[in-house]
Full PDB file with SEQRES, HELIX, SHEET, SSBOND, CRYST1, ORIGX, SCALE, CONECT and MASTER records, all heavy atoms in Angstrom:
SEQRES   1 A   41  THR ALA ALA GLN THR ARG GLU GLN ILE LEU LYS THR ASN          
SEQRES   2 A   41  ASN ILE ILE GLU ALA ALA THR GLY GLU LYS PRO VAL TRP          
SEQRES   3 A   41  PHE ALA PRO PRO SER GLY SER TYR ARG ASP GLU THR ILE          
SEQRES   4 A   41  LYS ILE                                                      
HELIX    1 AA1 ALA A    2  THR A   20  1                                  19    
HELIX    2 AA2 PRO A   30  GLY A   32  5                                   3    
HELIX    3 AA3 ASP A   36  LYS A   40  1                                   5    
CRYST1    1.000    1.000    1.000  90.00  90.00  90.00 P 1           1          
ORIGX1      1.000000  0.000000  0.000000        0.00000                         
ORIGX2      0.000000  1.000000  0.000000        0.00000                         
ORIGX3      0.000000  0.000000  1.000000        0.00000                         
SCALE1      1.000000  0.000000  0.000000        0.00000                         
SCALE2      0.000000  1.000000  0.000000        0.00000                         
SCALE3      0.000000  0.000000  1.000000        0.00000                         
ATOM      1  N   THR A   1       7.605  11.145   8.567  1.00  0.00           N  
ATOM      2  CA  THR A   1       6.988  11.572   7.310  1.00  0.00           C  
ATOM      3  C   THR A   1       7.396  10.585   6.219  1.00  0.00           C  
ATOM      4  O   THR A   1       8.310   9.760   6.407  1.00  0.00           O  
ATOM      5  CB  THR A   1       7.466  12.976   6.917  1.00  0.00           C  
ATOM      6  OG1 THR A   1       8.883  12.929   6.653  1.00  0.00           O  
ATOM      7  CG2 THR A   1       7.188  13.981   8.024  1.00  0.00           C  
ATOM      8  N   ALA A   2       6.768  10.693   5.072  1.00  0.00           N  
ATOM      9  CA  ALA A   2       7.094   9.815   3.947  1.00  0.00           C  
ATOM     10  C   ALA A   2       8.555  10.002   3.535  1.00  0.00           C  
ATOM     11  O   ALA A   2       9.263   9.022   3.261  1.00  0.00           O  
ATOM     12  CB  ALA A   2       6.173  10.104   2.764  1.00  0.00           C  
ATOM     13  N   ALA A   3       9.010  11.253   3.509  1.00  0.00           N  
ATOM     14  CA  ALA A   3      10.393  11.536   3.103  1.00  0.00           C  
ATOM     15  C   ALA A   3      11.382  10.944   4.108  1.00  0.00           C  
ATOM     16  O   ALA A   3      12.418  10.390   3.725  1.00  0.00           O  
ATOM     17  CB  ALA A   3      10.606  13.050   2.982  1.00  0.00           C  
ATOM     18  N   GLN A   4      11.073  11.070   5.389  1.00  0.00           N  
ATOM     19  CA  GLN A   4      11.956  10.522   6.424  1.00  0.00           C  
ATOM     20  C   GLN A   4      11.992   8.991   6.363  1.00  0.00           C  
ATOM     21  O   GLN A   4      13.051   8.380   6.546  1.00  0.00           O  
ATOM     22  CB  GLN A   4      11.467  10.985   7.811  1.00  0.00           C  
ATOM     23  CG  GLN A   4      11.686  12.457   8.083  1.00  0.00           C  
ATOM     24  CD  GLN A   4      11.005  12.912   9.377  1.00  0.00           C  
ATOM     25  OE1 GLN A   4       9.957  12.381   9.770  1.00  0.00           O  
ATOM     26  NE2 GLN A   4      11.601  13.903  10.040  1.00  0.00           N  
ATOM     27  N   THR A   5      10.845   8.390   6.111  1.00  0.00           N  
ATOM     28  CA  THR A   5      10.781   6.926   5.993  1.00  0.00           C  
ATOM     29  C   THR A   5      11.640   6.450   4.834  1.00  0.00           C  
ATOM     30  O   THR A   5      12.435   5.498   4.977  1.00  0.00           O  
ATOM     31  CB  THR A   5       9.321   6.474   5.771  1.00  0.00           C  
ATOM     32  OG1 THR A   5       8.538   6.841   6.907  1.00  0.00           O  
ATOM     33  CG2 THR A   5       9.241   4.969   5.548  1.00  0.00           C  
ATOM     34  N   ARG A   6      11.494   7.105   3.697  1.00  0.00           N  
ATOM     35  CA  ARG A   6      12.273   6.734   2.516  1.00  0.00           C  
ATOM     36  C   ARG A   6      13.769   6.879   2.788  1.00  0.00           C  
ATOM     37  O   ARG A   6      14.570   6.032   2.401  1.00  0.00           O  
ATOM     38  CB  ARG A   6      11.844   7.607   1.337  1.00  0.00           C  
ATOM     39  CG  ARG A   6      12.395   7.175  -0.009  1.00  0.00           C  
ATOM     40  CD  ARG A   6      11.815   8.070  -1.101  1.00  0.00           C  
ATOM     41  NE  ARG A   6      10.372   7.913  -1.219  1.00  0.00           N  
ATOM     42  CZ  ARG A   6       9.783   7.016  -1.994  1.00  0.00           C  
ATOM     43  NH1 ARG A   6      10.541   6.200  -2.730  1.00  0.00           N  
ATOM     44  NH2 ARG A   6       8.479   6.932  -2.055  1.00  0.00           N  
ATOM     45  N   GLU A   7      14.142   7.952   3.473  1.00  0.00           N  
ATOM     46  CA  GLU A   7      15.556   8.186   3.775  1.00  0.00           C  
ATOM     47  C   GLU A   7      16.108   7.110   4.708  1.00  0.00           C  
ATOM     48  O   GLU A   7      17.225   6.609   4.509  1.00  0.00           O  
ATOM     49  CB  GLU A   7      15.736   9.565   4.424  1.00  0.00           C  
ATOM     50  CG  GLU A   7      17.199   9.895   4.727  1.00  0.00           C  
ATOM     51  CD  GLU A   7      17.364  11.210   5.462  1.00  0.00           C  
ATOM     52  OE1 GLU A   7      16.351  11.752   5.974  1.00  0.00           O  
ATOM     53  OE2 GLU A   7      18.505  11.701   5.548  1.00  0.00           O  
ATOM     54  N   GLN A   8      15.334   6.728   5.725  1.00  0.00           N  
ATOM     55  CA  GLN A   8      15.770   5.694   6.678  1.00  0.00           C  
ATOM     56  C   GLN A   8      16.058   4.370   5.952  1.00  0.00           C  
ATOM     57  O   GLN A   8      17.061   3.707   6.221  1.00  0.00           O  
ATOM     58  CB  GLN A   8      14.690   5.466   7.735  1.00  0.00           C  
ATOM     59  CG  GLN A   8      14.596   6.535   8.808  1.00  0.00           C  
ATOM     60  CD  GLN A   8      15.653   6.378   9.892  1.00  0.00           C  
ATOM     61  OE1 GLN A   8      16.103   5.275  10.205  1.00  0.00           O  
ATOM     62  NE2 GLN A   8      16.067   7.504  10.466  1.00  0.00           N  
ATOM     63  N   ILE A   9      15.175   4.017   5.028  1.00  0.00           N  
ATOM     64  CA  ILE A   9      15.319   2.739   4.326  1.00  0.00           C  
ATOM     65  C   ILE A   9      16.449   2.794   3.300  1.00  0.00           C  
ATOM     66  O   ILE A   9      17.314   1.900   3.263  1.00  0.00           O  
ATOM     67  CB  ILE A   9      13.985   2.342   3.648  1.00  0.00           C  
ATOM     68  CG1 ILE A   9      12.902   2.107   4.709  1.00  0.00           C  
ATOM     69  CG2 ILE A   9      14.168   1.080   2.797  1.00  0.00           C  
ATOM     70  CD1 ILE A   9      11.510   1.864   4.141  1.00  0.00           C  
ATOM     71  N   LEU A  10      16.456   3.837   2.468  1.00  0.00           N  
ATOM     72  CA  LEU A  10      17.467   3.940   1.403  1.00  0.00           C  
ATOM     73  C   LEU A  10      18.880   4.075   1.962  1.00  0.00           C  
ATOM     74  O   LEU A  10      19.821   3.437   1.473  1.00  0.00           O  
ATOM     75  CB  LEU A  10      17.149   5.131   0.494  1.00  0.00           C  
ATOM     76  CG  LEU A  10      16.049   4.921  -0.539  1.00  0.00           C  
ATOM     77  CD1 LEU A  10      15.765   6.227  -1.280  1.00  0.00           C  
ATOM     78  CD2 LEU A  10      16.449   3.829  -1.524  1.00  0.00           C  
ATOM     79  N   LYS A  11      19.022   4.907   2.988  1.00  0.00           N  
ATOM     80  CA  LYS A  11      20.343   5.131   3.582  1.00  0.00           C  
ATOM     81  C   LYS A  11      20.903   3.822   4.141  1.00  0.00           C  
ATOM     82  O   LYS A  11      22.089   3.505   3.960  1.00  0.00           O  
ATOM     83  CB  LYS A  11      20.244   6.192   4.684  1.00  0.00           C  
ATOM     84  CG  LYS A  11      21.590   6.707   5.190  1.00  0.00           C  
ATOM     85  CD  LYS A  11      21.370   7.870   6.162  1.00  0.00           C  
ATOM     86  CE  LYS A  11      22.694   8.437   6.652  1.00  0.00           C  
ATOM     87  NZ  LYS A  11      22.477   9.573   7.594  1.00  0.00           N  
ATOM     88  N   THR A  12      20.045   3.053   4.793  1.00  0.00           N  
ATOM     89  CA  THR A  12      20.480   1.769   5.363  1.00  0.00           C  
ATOM     90  C   THR A  12      20.824   0.764   4.265  1.00  0.00           C  
ATOM     91  O   THR A  12      21.836   0.057   4.357  1.00  0.00           O  
ATOM     92  CB  THR A  12      19.380   1.207   6.289  1.00  0.00           C  
ATOM     93  OG1 THR A  12      19.127   2.158   7.323  1.00  0.00           O  
ATOM     94  CG2 THR A  12      19.803  -0.114   6.899  1.00  0.00           C  
ATOM     95  N   ASN A  13      19.999   0.705   3.229  1.00  0.00           N  
ATOM     96  CA  ASN A  13      20.297  -0.187   2.107  1.00  0.00           C  
ATOM     97  C   ASN A  13      21.666   0.097   1.514  1.00  0.00           C  
ATOM     98  O   ASN A  13      22.449  -0.818   1.228  1.00  0.00           O  
ATOM     99  CB  ASN A  13      19.229  -0.055   1.011  1.00  0.00           C  
ATOM    100  CG  ASN A  13      18.021  -0.914   1.263  1.00  0.00           C  
ATOM    101  OD1 ASN A  13      17.982  -1.688   2.215  1.00  0.00           O  
ATOM    102  ND2 ASN A  13      17.019  -0.794   0.413  1.00  0.00           N  
ATOM    103  N   ASN A  14      21.955   1.374   1.311  1.00  0.00           N  
ATOM    104  CA  ASN A  14      23.229   1.765   0.705  1.00  0.00           C  
ATOM    105  C   ASN A  14      24.411   1.383   1.587  1.00  0.00           C  
ATOM    106  O   ASN A  14      25.443   0.911   1.101  1.00  0.00           O  
ATOM    107  CB  ASN A  14      23.245   3.275   0.429  1.00  0.00           C  
ATOM    108  CG  ASN A  14      22.265   3.672  -0.666  1.00  0.00           C  
ATOM    109  OD1 ASN A  14      21.911   2.844  -1.519  1.00  0.00           O  
ATOM    110  ND2 ASN A  14      21.822   4.921  -0.660  1.00  0.00           N  
ATOM    111  N   ILE A  15      24.269   1.599   2.891  1.00  0.00           N  
ATOM    112  CA  ILE A  15      25.360   1.284   3.822  1.00  0.00           C  
ATOM    113  C   ILE A  15      25.578  -0.226   3.895  1.00  0.00           C  
ATOM    114  O   ILE A  15      26.721  -0.699   3.887  1.00  0.00           O  
ATOM    115  CB  ILE A  15      25.057   1.869   5.224  1.00  0.00           C  
ATOM    116  CG1 ILE A  15      25.161   3.394   5.172  1.00  0.00           C  
ATOM    117  CG2 ILE A  15      26.024   1.306   6.274  1.00  0.00           C  
ATOM    118  CD1 ILE A  15      24.743   4.084   6.451  1.00  0.00           C  
ATOM    119  N   ILE A  16      24.484  -0.992   3.964  1.00  0.00           N  
ATOM    120  CA  ILE A  16      24.609  -2.454   4.029  1.00  0.00           C  
ATOM    121  C   ILE A  16      25.245  -2.992   2.749  1.00  0.00           C  
ATOM    122  O   ILE A  16      26.124  -3.864   2.797  1.00  0.00           O  
ATOM    123  CB  ILE A  16      23.226  -3.106   4.261  1.00  0.00           C  
ATOM    124  CG1 ILE A  16      22.739  -2.828   5.681  1.00  0.00           C  
ATOM    125  CG2 ILE A  16      23.291  -4.626   4.025  1.00  0.00           C  
ATOM    126  CD1 ILE A  16      21.336  -3.335   5.976  1.00  0.00           C  
ATOM    127  N   GLU A  17      24.817  -2.478   1.603  1.00  0.00           N  
ATOM    128  CA  GLU A  17      25.375  -2.954   0.332  1.00  0.00           C  
ATOM    129  C   GLU A  17      26.849  -2.594   0.206  1.00  0.00           C  
ATOM    130  O   GLU A  17      27.658  -3.393  -0.283  1.00  0.00           O  
ATOM    131  CB  GLU A  17      24.589  -2.367  -0.840  1.00  0.00           C  
ATOM    132  CG  GLU A  17      24.977  -2.979  -2.172  1.00  0.00           C  
ATOM    133  CD  GLU A  17      24.043  -2.572  -3.297  1.00  0.00           C  
ATOM    134  OE1 GLU A  17      23.192  -1.675  -3.099  1.00  0.00           O  
ATOM    135  OE2 GLU A  17      24.170  -3.161  -4.395  1.00  0.00           O  
ATOM    136  N   ALA A  18      27.227  -1.396   0.686  1.00  0.00           N  
ATOM    137  CA  ALA A  18      28.635  -0.981   0.623  1.00  0.00           C  
ATOM    138  C   ALA A  18      29.505  -1.853   1.529  1.00  0.00           C  
ATOM    139  O   ALA A  18      30.642  -2.188   1.184  1.00  0.00           O  
ATOM    140  CB  ALA A  18      28.749   0.484   1.046  1.00  0.00           C  
ATOM    141  N   ALA A  19      28.966  -2.265   2.674  1.00  0.00           N  
ATOM    142  CA  ALA A  19      29.746  -3.048   3.640  1.00  0.00           C  
ATOM    143  C   ALA A  19      29.788  -4.531   3.295  1.00  0.00           C  
ATOM    144  O   ALA A  19      30.803  -5.202   3.519  1.00  0.00           O  
ATOM    145  CB  ALA A  19      29.174  -2.866   5.046  1.00  0.00           C  
ATOM    146  N   THR A  20      28.698  -5.059   2.754  1.00  0.00           N  
ATOM    147  CA  THR A  20      28.602  -6.513   2.574  1.00  0.00           C  
ATOM    148  C   THR A  20      28.478  -6.975   1.122  1.00  0.00           C  
ATOM    149  O   THR A  20      28.655  -8.153   0.821  1.00  0.00           O  
ATOM    150  CB  THR A  20      27.367  -7.062   3.329  1.00  0.00           C  
ATOM    151  OG1 THR A  20      26.172  -6.580   2.683  1.00  0.00           O  
ATOM    152  CG2 THR A  20      27.367  -6.607   4.779  1.00  0.00           C  
ATOM    153  N   GLY A  21      28.123  -6.054   0.234  1.00  0.00           N  
ATOM    154  CA  GLY A  21      27.894  -6.446  -1.157  1.00  0.00           C  
ATOM    155  C   GLY A  21      26.496  -6.972  -1.402  1.00  0.00           C  
ATOM    156  O   GLY A  21      26.133  -7.319  -2.523  1.00  0.00           O  
ATOM    157  N   GLU A  22      25.673  -7.035  -0.340  1.00  0.00           N  
ATOM    158  CA  GLU A  22      24.309  -7.545  -0.442  1.00  0.00           C  
ATOM    159  C   GLU A  22      23.297  -6.403  -0.366  1.00  0.00           C  
ATOM    160  O   GLU A  22      23.414  -5.521   0.484  1.00  0.00           O  
ATOM    161  CB  GLU A  22      24.025  -8.543   0.689  1.00  0.00           C  
ATOM    162  CG  GLU A  22      24.901  -9.788   0.669  1.00  0.00           C  
ATOM    163  CD  GLU A  22      24.607 -10.681  -0.523  1.00  0.00           C  
ATOM    164  OE1 GLU A  22      23.413 -10.835  -0.855  1.00  0.00           O  
ATOM    165  OE2 GLU A  22      25.556 -11.207  -1.130  1.00  0.00           O  
ATOM    166  N   LYS A  23      22.304  -6.441  -1.260  1.00  0.00           N  
ATOM    167  CA  LYS A  23      21.245  -5.436  -1.231  1.00  0.00           C  
ATOM    168  C   LYS A  23      20.020  -6.037  -0.561  1.00  0.00           C  
ATOM    169  O   LYS A  23      19.430  -6.999  -1.076  1.00  0.00           O  
ATOM    170  CB  LYS A  23      20.899  -4.984  -2.649  1.00  0.00           C  
ATOM    171  CG  LYS A  23      19.897  -3.843  -2.689  1.00  0.00           C  
ATOM    172  CD  LYS A  23      19.674  -3.360  -4.114  1.00  0.00           C  
ATOM    173  CE  LYS A  23      18.689  -2.193  -4.133  1.00  0.00           C  
ATOM    174  NZ  LYS A  23      18.476  -1.680  -5.509  1.00  0.00           N  
ATOM    175  N   PRO A  24      19.605  -5.508   0.586  1.00  0.00           N  
ATOM    176  CA  PRO A  24      18.461  -6.084   1.312  1.00  0.00           C  
ATOM    177  C   PRO A  24      17.155  -6.023   0.513  1.00  0.00           C  
ATOM    178  O   PRO A  24      16.919  -5.058  -0.229  1.00  0.00           O  
ATOM    179  CB  PRO A  24      18.369  -5.212   2.570  1.00  0.00           C  
ATOM    180  CG  PRO A  24      19.731  -4.616   2.727  1.00  0.00           C  
ATOM    181  CD  PRO A  24      20.224  -4.400   1.334  1.00  0.00           C  
ATOM    182  N   VAL A  25      16.333  -7.039   0.679  1.00  0.00           N  
ATOM    183  CA  VAL A  25      15.005  -7.066   0.046  1.00  0.00           C  
ATOM    184  C   VAL A  25      13.903  -7.131   1.099  1.00  0.00           C  
ATOM    185  O   VAL A  25      12.730  -7.070   0.770  1.00  0.00           O  
ATOM    186  CB  VAL A  25      14.873  -8.257  -0.928  1.00  0.00           C  
ATOM    187  CG1 VAL A  25      15.837  -8.119  -2.080  1.00  0.00           C  
ATOM    188  CG2 VAL A  25      15.095  -9.586  -0.205  1.00  0.00           C  
ATOM    189  N   TRP A  26      14.301  -7.250   2.375  1.00  0.00           N  
ATOM    190  CA  TRP A  26      13.340  -7.332   3.479  1.00  0.00           C  
ATOM    191  C   TRP A  26      13.556  -6.165   4.430  1.00  0.00           C  
ATOM    192  O   TRP A  26      14.689  -5.799   4.743  1.00  0.00           O  
ATOM    193  CB  TRP A  26      13.496  -8.643   4.245  1.00  0.00           C  
ATOM    194  CG  TRP A  26      13.425  -9.863   3.387  1.00  0.00           C  
ATOM    195  CD1 TRP A  26      14.454 -10.647   2.971  1.00  0.00           C  
ATOM    196  CD2 TRP A  26      12.242 -10.443   2.813  1.00  0.00           C  
ATOM    197  NE1 TRP A  26      14.005 -11.672   2.186  1.00  0.00           N  
ATOM    198  CE2 TRP A  26      12.648 -11.581   2.070  1.00  0.00           C  
ATOM    199  CE3 TRP A  26      10.882 -10.120   2.862  1.00  0.00           C  
ATOM    200  CZ2 TRP A  26      11.739 -12.382   1.374  1.00  0.00           C  
ATOM    201  CZ3 TRP A  26       9.987 -10.921   2.177  1.00  0.00           C  
ATOM    202  CH2 TRP A  26      10.419 -12.035   1.449  1.00  0.00           C  
ATOM    203  N   PHE A  27      12.468  -5.601   4.928  1.00  0.00           N  
ATOM    204  CA  PHE A  27      12.519  -4.481   5.864  1.00  0.00           C  
ATOM    205  C   PHE A  27      11.775  -4.847   7.139  1.00  0.00           C  
ATOM    206  O   PHE A  27      10.637  -5.320   7.093  1.00  0.00           O  
ATOM    207  CB  PHE A  27      11.893  -3.234   5.231  1.00  0.00           C  
ATOM    208  CG  PHE A  27      11.704  -2.091   6.190  1.00  0.00           C  
ATOM    209  CD1 PHE A  27      12.799  -1.504   6.824  1.00  0.00           C  
ATOM    210  CD2 PHE A  27      10.432  -1.596   6.474  1.00  0.00           C  
ATOM    211  CE1 PHE A  27      12.629  -0.451   7.721  1.00  0.00           C  
ATOM    212  CE2 PHE A  27      10.252  -0.539   7.357  1.00  0.00           C  
ATOM    213  CZ  PHE A  27      11.360   0.030   7.978  1.00  0.00           C  
ATOM    214  N   ALA A  28      12.442  -4.660   8.285  1.00  0.00           N  
ATOM    215  CA  ALA A  28      11.821  -4.922   9.582  1.00  0.00           C  
ATOM    216  C   ALA A  28      11.796  -3.613  10.383  1.00  0.00           C  
ATOM    217  O   ALA A  28      12.834  -3.153  10.854  1.00  0.00           O  
ATOM    218  CB  ALA A  28      12.608  -5.980  10.350  1.00  0.00           C  
ATOM    219  N   PRO A  29      10.641  -2.979  10.532  1.00  0.00           N  
ATOM    220  CA  PRO A  29      10.574  -1.712  11.267  1.00  0.00           C  
ATOM    221  C   PRO A  29      10.887  -1.889  12.748  1.00  0.00           C  
ATOM    222  O   PRO A  29      10.443  -2.869  13.362  1.00  0.00           O  
ATOM    223  CB  PRO A  29       9.117  -1.271  11.057  1.00  0.00           C  
ATOM    224  CG  PRO A  29       8.369  -2.506  10.712  1.00  0.00           C  
ATOM    225  CD  PRO A  29       9.328  -3.400  10.010  1.00  0.00           C  
ATOM    226  N   PRO A  30      11.674  -0.994  13.329  1.00  0.00           N  
ATOM    227  CA  PRO A  30      12.029  -1.093  14.752  1.00  0.00           C  
ATOM    228  C   PRO A  30      10.792  -1.186  15.644  1.00  0.00           C  
ATOM    229  O   PRO A  30       9.807  -0.460  15.445  1.00  0.00           O  
ATOM    230  CB  PRO A  30      12.799   0.207  15.013  1.00  0.00           C  
ATOM    231  CG  PRO A  30      13.351   0.581  13.677  1.00  0.00           C  
ATOM    232  CD  PRO A  30      12.314   0.161  12.682  1.00  0.00           C  
ATOM    233  N   SER A  31      10.848  -2.109  16.591  1.00  0.00           N  
ATOM    234  CA  SER A  31       9.761  -2.323  17.554  1.00  0.00           C  
ATOM    235  C   SER A  31       8.445  -2.698  16.887  1.00  0.00           C  
ATOM    236  O   SER A  31       7.385  -2.653  17.527  1.00  0.00           O  
ATOM    237  CB  SER A  31       9.553  -1.075  18.438  1.00  0.00           C  
ATOM    238  OG  SER A  31      10.765  -0.712  19.060  1.00  0.00           O  
ATOM    239  N   GLY A  32       8.499  -3.036  15.609  1.00  0.00           N  
ATOM    240  CA  GLY A  32       7.281  -3.416  14.895  1.00  0.00           C  
ATOM    241  C   GLY A  32       6.324  -2.262  14.675  1.00  0.00           C  
ATOM    242  O   GLY A  32       5.135  -2.454  14.427  1.00  0.00           O  
ATOM    243  N   SER A  33       6.840  -1.034  14.760  1.00  0.00           N  
ATOM    244  CA  SER A  33       5.986   0.147  14.623  1.00  0.00           C  
ATOM    245  C   SER A  33       5.944   0.612  13.160  1.00  0.00           C  
ATOM    246  O   SER A  33       6.984   0.855  12.551  1.00  0.00           O  
ATOM    247  CB  SER A  33       6.505   1.268  15.522  1.00  0.00           C  
ATOM    248  OG  SER A  33       5.722   2.433  15.361  1.00  0.00           O  
ATOM    249  N   TYR A  34       4.743   0.743  12.616  1.00  0.00           N  
ATOM    250  CA  TYR A  34       4.593   1.197  11.233  1.00  0.00           C  
ATOM    251  C   TYR A  34       3.168   1.705  11.023  1.00  0.00           C  
ATOM    252  O   TYR A  34       2.290   1.506  11.861  1.00  0.00           O  
ATOM    253  CB  TYR A  34       4.865   0.049  10.271  1.00  0.00           C  
ATOM    254  CG  TYR A  34       3.822  -1.055  10.315  1.00  0.00           C  
ATOM    255  CD1 TYR A  34       2.679  -1.007   9.516  1.00  0.00           C  
ATOM    256  CD2 TYR A  34       3.956  -2.142  11.182  1.00  0.00           C  
ATOM    257  CE1 TYR A  34       1.712  -1.999   9.569  1.00  0.00           C  
ATOM    258  CE2 TYR A  34       2.998  -3.138  11.246  1.00  0.00           C  
ATOM    259  CZ  TYR A  34       1.876  -3.060  10.436  1.00  0.00           C  
ATOM    260  OH  TYR A  34       0.916  -4.045  10.504  1.00  0.00           O  
ATOM    261  N   ARG A  35       2.950   2.348   9.903  1.00  0.00           N  
ATOM    262  CA  ARG A  35       1.596   2.644   9.433  1.00  0.00           C  
ATOM    263  C   ARG A  35       1.519   2.209   7.973  1.00  0.00           C  
ATOM    264  O   ARG A  35       2.544   1.834   7.383  1.00  0.00           O  
ATOM    265  CB  ARG A  35       1.252   4.119   9.625  1.00  0.00           C  
ATOM    266  CG  ARG A  35       2.074   5.108   8.832  1.00  0.00           C  
ATOM    267  CD  ARG A  35       1.501   6.531   9.089  1.00  0.00           C  
ATOM    268  NE  ARG A  35       2.104   7.516   8.214  1.00  0.00           N  
ATOM    269  CZ  ARG A  35       3.212   8.186   8.483  1.00  0.00           C  
ATOM    270  NH1 ARG A  35       3.869   7.926   9.625  1.00  0.00           N  
ATOM    271  NH2 ARG A  35       3.679   9.077   7.644  1.00  0.00           N  
ATOM    272  N   ASP A  36       0.353   2.248   7.390  1.00  0.00           N  
ATOM    273  CA  ASP A  36       0.180   1.747   6.026  1.00  0.00           C  
ATOM    274  C   ASP A  36       1.162   2.395   5.054  1.00  0.00           C  
ATOM    275  O   ASP A  36       1.690   1.742   4.148  1.00  0.00           O  
ATOM    276  CB  ASP A  36      -1.252   1.991   5.550  1.00  0.00           C  
ATOM    277  CG  ASP A  36      -2.265   1.086   6.244  1.00  0.00           C  
ATOM    278  OD1 ASP A  36      -1.825   0.090   6.875  1.00  0.00           O  
ATOM    279  OD2 ASP A  36      -3.472   1.366   6.161  1.00  0.00           O  
ATOM    280  N   GLU A  37       1.417   3.691   5.240  1.00  0.00           N  
ATOM    281  CA  GLU A  37       2.325   4.404   4.334  1.00  0.00           C  
ATOM    282  C   GLU A  37       3.744   3.833   4.408  1.00  0.00           C  
ATOM    283  O   GLU A  37       4.449   3.774   3.410  1.00  0.00           O  
ATOM    284  CB  GLU A  37       2.349   5.898   4.683  1.00  0.00           C  
ATOM    285  CG  GLU A  37       3.124   6.730   3.667  1.00  0.00           C  
ATOM    286  CD  GLU A  37       3.104   8.214   3.993  1.00  0.00           C  
ATOM    287  OE1 GLU A  37       3.178   8.563   5.199  1.00  0.00           O  
ATOM    288  OE2 GLU A  37       3.021   9.019   3.062  1.00  0.00           O  
ATOM    289  N   THR A  38       4.142   3.361   5.600  1.00  0.00           N  
ATOM    290  CA  THR A  38       5.474   2.759   5.767  1.00  0.00           C  
ATOM    291  C   THR A  38       5.612   1.545   4.860  1.00  0.00           C  
ATOM    292  O   THR A  38       6.618   1.371   4.158  1.00  0.00           O  
ATOM    293  CB  THR A  38       5.683   2.312   7.232  1.00  0.00           C  
ATOM    294  OG1 THR A  38       5.282   3.350   8.125  1.00  0.00           O  
ATOM    295  CG2 THR A  38       7.148   1.937   7.470  1.00  0.00           C  
ATOM    296  N   ILE A  39       4.593   0.692   4.855  1.00  0.00           N  
ATOM    297  CA  ILE A  39       4.605  -0.533   4.053  1.00  0.00           C  
ATOM    298  C   ILE A  39       4.615  -0.189   2.569  1.00  0.00           C  
ATOM    299  O   ILE A  39       5.309  -0.833   1.773  1.00  0.00           O  
ATOM    300  CB  ILE A  39       3.372  -1.413   4.385  1.00  0.00           C  
ATOM    301  CG1 ILE A  39       3.196  -1.578   5.895  1.00  0.00           C  
ATOM    302  CG2 ILE A  39       3.489  -2.762   3.692  1.00  0.00           C  
ATOM    303  CD1 ILE A  39       4.343  -2.215   6.597  1.00  0.00           C  
ATOM    304  N   LYS A  40       3.842   0.825   2.191  1.00  0.00           N  
ATOM    305  CA  LYS A  40       3.768   1.228   0.780  1.00  0.00           C  
ATOM    306  C   LYS A  40       5.095   1.779   0.279  1.00  0.00           C  
ATOM    307  O   LYS A  40       5.513   1.503  -0.851  1.00  0.00           O  
ATOM    308  CB  LYS A  40       2.660   2.264   0.591  1.00  0.00           C  
ATOM    309  CG  LYS A  40       1.257   1.701   0.756  1.00  0.00           C  
ATOM    310  CD  LYS A  40       0.198   2.793   0.623  1.00  0.00           C  
ATOM    311  CE  LYS A  40      -1.195   2.219   0.832  1.00  0.00           C  
ATOM    312  NZ  LYS A  40      -2.241   3.285   0.772  1.00  0.00           N  
ATOM    313  N   ILE A  41       5.763   2.558   1.113  1.00  0.00           N  
ATOM    314  CA  ILE A  41       7.053   3.127   0.705  1.00  0.00           C  
ATOM    315  C   ILE A  41       8.084   2.020   0.535  1.00  0.00           C  
ATOM    316  O   ILE A  41       8.854   2.012  -0.436  1.00  0.00           O  
ATOM    317  CB  ILE A  41       7.534   4.182   1.727  1.00  0.00           C  
ATOM    318  CG1 ILE A  41       6.622   5.410   1.671  1.00  0.00           C  
ATOM    319  CG2 ILE A  41       8.991   4.569   1.468  1.00  0.00           C  
ATOM    320  CD1 ILE A  41       6.869   6.418   2.763  1.00  0.00           C  
TER     321      ILE A  41                                                      
MASTER        0    0    0    3    0    0    0    6  320    1    0    4          
END                                                                             
């Protein structure tokens, strides 16, 4: 769902930034699976 997609991305961004100090600007969906809403979010 849109909410789950947002949570997957935001949660990962926060963890990566906390561990490395870097905030990601690129998103690579697992297995290349996405729909238009994924890209928009």
